[in-house]
Every structure is written in C-alpha cells, then in structure tokens.
C-alpha cells in the first residue's frame, strides 16, 4: 500500500497543477480577443476588378466599410 501511495502521489499533484494552468490560459485567451478584428474583402464590380474591404469586431458588432 505504501508503494502505491508513493507512485500515485506525484501524479495527483501533476494533475492538479495541470488543471490550474489550463484555467489561466483560458482567461488569457478571452482577454486578448479585444485586440483582434475580422477584416475581409468582397468583390463589388467584376468588370473593373473592384474590391471593398470590411472590418468588424470579433463578436460581429461595429461593422465598417
């Protein structure tokens, strides 16, 4: 029984530490989304090869030409 607890002890500590690190990385990814935007271009006139560029926030708000 002592050998089993010695073997499982480090694994339990490792698993707990891994769970905490994943939580931190998910918090970082949600706060850094404010830095990004969606930018895409659309072909408006095929004969003149004219494109319009559109931008918006990651949640789809504030669409701009």
C-alpha atoms as a PDB file:
ATOM      1  CA  UNK A   1       0.000   0.000   0.000  1.00  0.00           C
ATOM      2  CA  UNK A   2       2.872   2.370   0.731  1.00  0.00           C
ATOM      3  CA  UNK A   3       4.355   1.782  -2.731  1.00  0.00           C
ATOM      4  CA  UNK A   4       1.017   2.631  -4.372  1.00  0.00           C
ATOM      5  CA  UNK A   5       0.678   5.930  -2.495  1.00  0.00           C
ATOM      6  CA  UNK A   6       4.274   6.877  -3.333  1.00  0.00           C
ATOM      7  CA  UNK A   7       3.584   6.169  -7.004  1.00  0.00           C
ATOM      8  CA  UNK A   8       0.201   7.944  -7.152  1.00  0.00           C
ATOM      9  CA  UNK A   9       1.201  10.987  -5.094  1.00  0.00           C
ATOM     10  CA  UNK A  10       3.241  12.753  -7.786  1.00  0.00           C
ATOM     11  CA  UNK A  11       0.572  12.010 -10.413  1.00  0.00           C
ATOM     12  CA  UNK A  12      -2.143  13.621  -8.324  1.00  0.00           C
ATOM     13  CA  UNK A  13       0.000  16.726  -7.816  1.00  0.00           C
ATOM     14  CA  UNK A  14       0.792  16.830 -11.540  1.00  0.00           C
ATOM     15  CA  UNK A  15      -2.886  16.575 -12.492  1.00  0.00           C
ATOM     16  CA  UNK A  16      -3.912  19.339 -10.110  1.00  0.00           C
ATOM     17  CA  UNK A  17      -1.171  21.617 -11.394  1.00  0.00           C
ATOM     18  CA  UNK A  18      -2.194  20.922 -14.991  1.00  0.00           C
ATOM     19  CA  UNK A  19      -5.803  21.857 -14.324  1.00  0.00           C
ATOM     20  CA  UNK A  20      -4.822  25.178 -12.794  1.00  0.00           C
ATOM     21  CA  UNK A  21      -2.572  26.060 -15.737  1.00  0.00           C
ATOM     22  CA  UNK A  22      -5.346  25.352 -18.250  1.00  0.00           C
ATOM     23  CA  UNK A  23      -7.647  27.706 -16.360  1.00  0.00           C
ATOM     24  CA  UNK A  24      -5.089  30.506 -16.553  1.00  0.00           C
ATOM     25  CA  UNK A  25      -4.539  30.076 -20.284  1.00  0.00           C
ATOM     26  CA  UNK A  26      -8.285  30.223 -20.972  1.00  0.00           C
ATOM     27  CA  UNK A  27      -8.511  33.501 -19.053  1.00  0.00           C
ATOM     28  CA  UNK A  28      -5.677  34.943 -21.117  1.00  0.00           C
ATOM     29  CA  UNK A  29      -7.301  33.972 -24.392  1.00  0.00           C
ATOM     30  CA  UNK A  30     -10.614  35.663 -23.531  1.00  0.00           C
ATOM     31  CA  UNK A  31      -8.992  38.946 -22.534  1.00  0.00           C
ATOM     32  CA  UNK A  32      -6.794  39.150 -25.630  1.00  0.00           C
ATOM     33  CA  UNK A  33      -9.758  38.868 -28.049  1.00  0.00           C
ATOM     34  CA  UNK A  34     -10.271  42.630 -27.750  1.00  0.00           C
ATOM     35  CA  UNK A  35      -7.058  43.118 -29.722  1.00  0.00           C
ATOM     36  CA  UNK A  36      -8.324  41.275 -32.816  1.00  0.00           C
ATOM     37  CA  UNK A  37     -10.768  42.202 -35.563  1.00  0.00           C
ATOM     38  CA  UNK A  38     -12.238  40.483 -38.609  1.00  0.00           C
ATOM     39  CA  UNK A  39     -11.195  42.026 -41.925  1.00  0.00           C
ATOM     40  CA  UNK A  40     -12.436  40.679 -45.255  1.00  0.00           C
ATOM     41  CA  UNK A  41     -12.746  41.864 -48.824  1.00  0.00           C
ATOM     42  CA  UNK A  42     -15.676  41.444 -51.227  1.00  0.00           C
ATOM     43  CA  UNK A  43     -15.664  41.713 -54.996  1.00  0.00           C
ATOM     44  CA  UNK A  44     -18.064  44.580 -55.828  1.00  0.00           C
ATOM     45  CA  UNK A  45     -17.626  45.020 -59.561  1.00  0.00           C
ATOM     46  CA  UNK A  46     -16.295  42.095 -61.585  1.00  0.00           C
ATOM     47  CA  UNK A  47     -15.639  44.039 -64.772  1.00  0.00           C
ATOM     48  CA  UNK A  48     -13.346  46.581 -63.075  1.00  0.00           C
ATOM     49  CA  UNK A  49     -11.954  44.118 -60.525  1.00  0.00           C
ATOM     50  CA  UNK A  50     -13.087  46.430 -57.702  1.00  0.00           C
ATOM     51  CA  UNK A  51     -12.981  45.137 -54.103  1.00  0.00           C
ATOM     52  CA  UNK A  52     -14.383  46.647 -50.905  1.00  0.00           C
ATOM     53  CA  UNK A  53     -12.704  45.970 -47.538  1.00  0.00           C
ATOM     54  CA  UNK A  54     -14.933  45.463 -44.480  1.00  0.00           C
ATOM     55  CA  UNK A  55     -13.984  45.281 -40.792  1.00  0.00           C
ATOM     56  CA  UNK A  56     -15.867  44.246 -37.651  1.00  0.00           C
ATOM     57  CA  UNK A  57     -15.227  43.213 -34.066  1.00  0.00           C
ATOM     58  CA  UNK A  58     -14.855  39.539 -33.171  1.00  0.00           C
ATOM     59  CA  UNK A  59     -18.469  39.414 -31.940  1.00  0.00           C
ATOM     60  CA  UNK A  60     -19.813  40.873 -35.222  1.00  0.00           C
ATOM     61  CA  UNK A  61     -20.521  44.361 -33.885  1.00  0.00           C
ATOM     62  CA  UNK A  62     -19.321  47.690 -35.346  1.00  0.00           C
ATOM     63  CA  UNK A  63     -19.286  46.683 -38.999  1.00  0.00           C
ATOM     64  CA  UNK A  64     -17.436  49.288 -41.075  1.00  0.00           C
ATOM     65  CA  UNK A  65     -16.572  49.769 -44.731  1.00  0.00           C
END
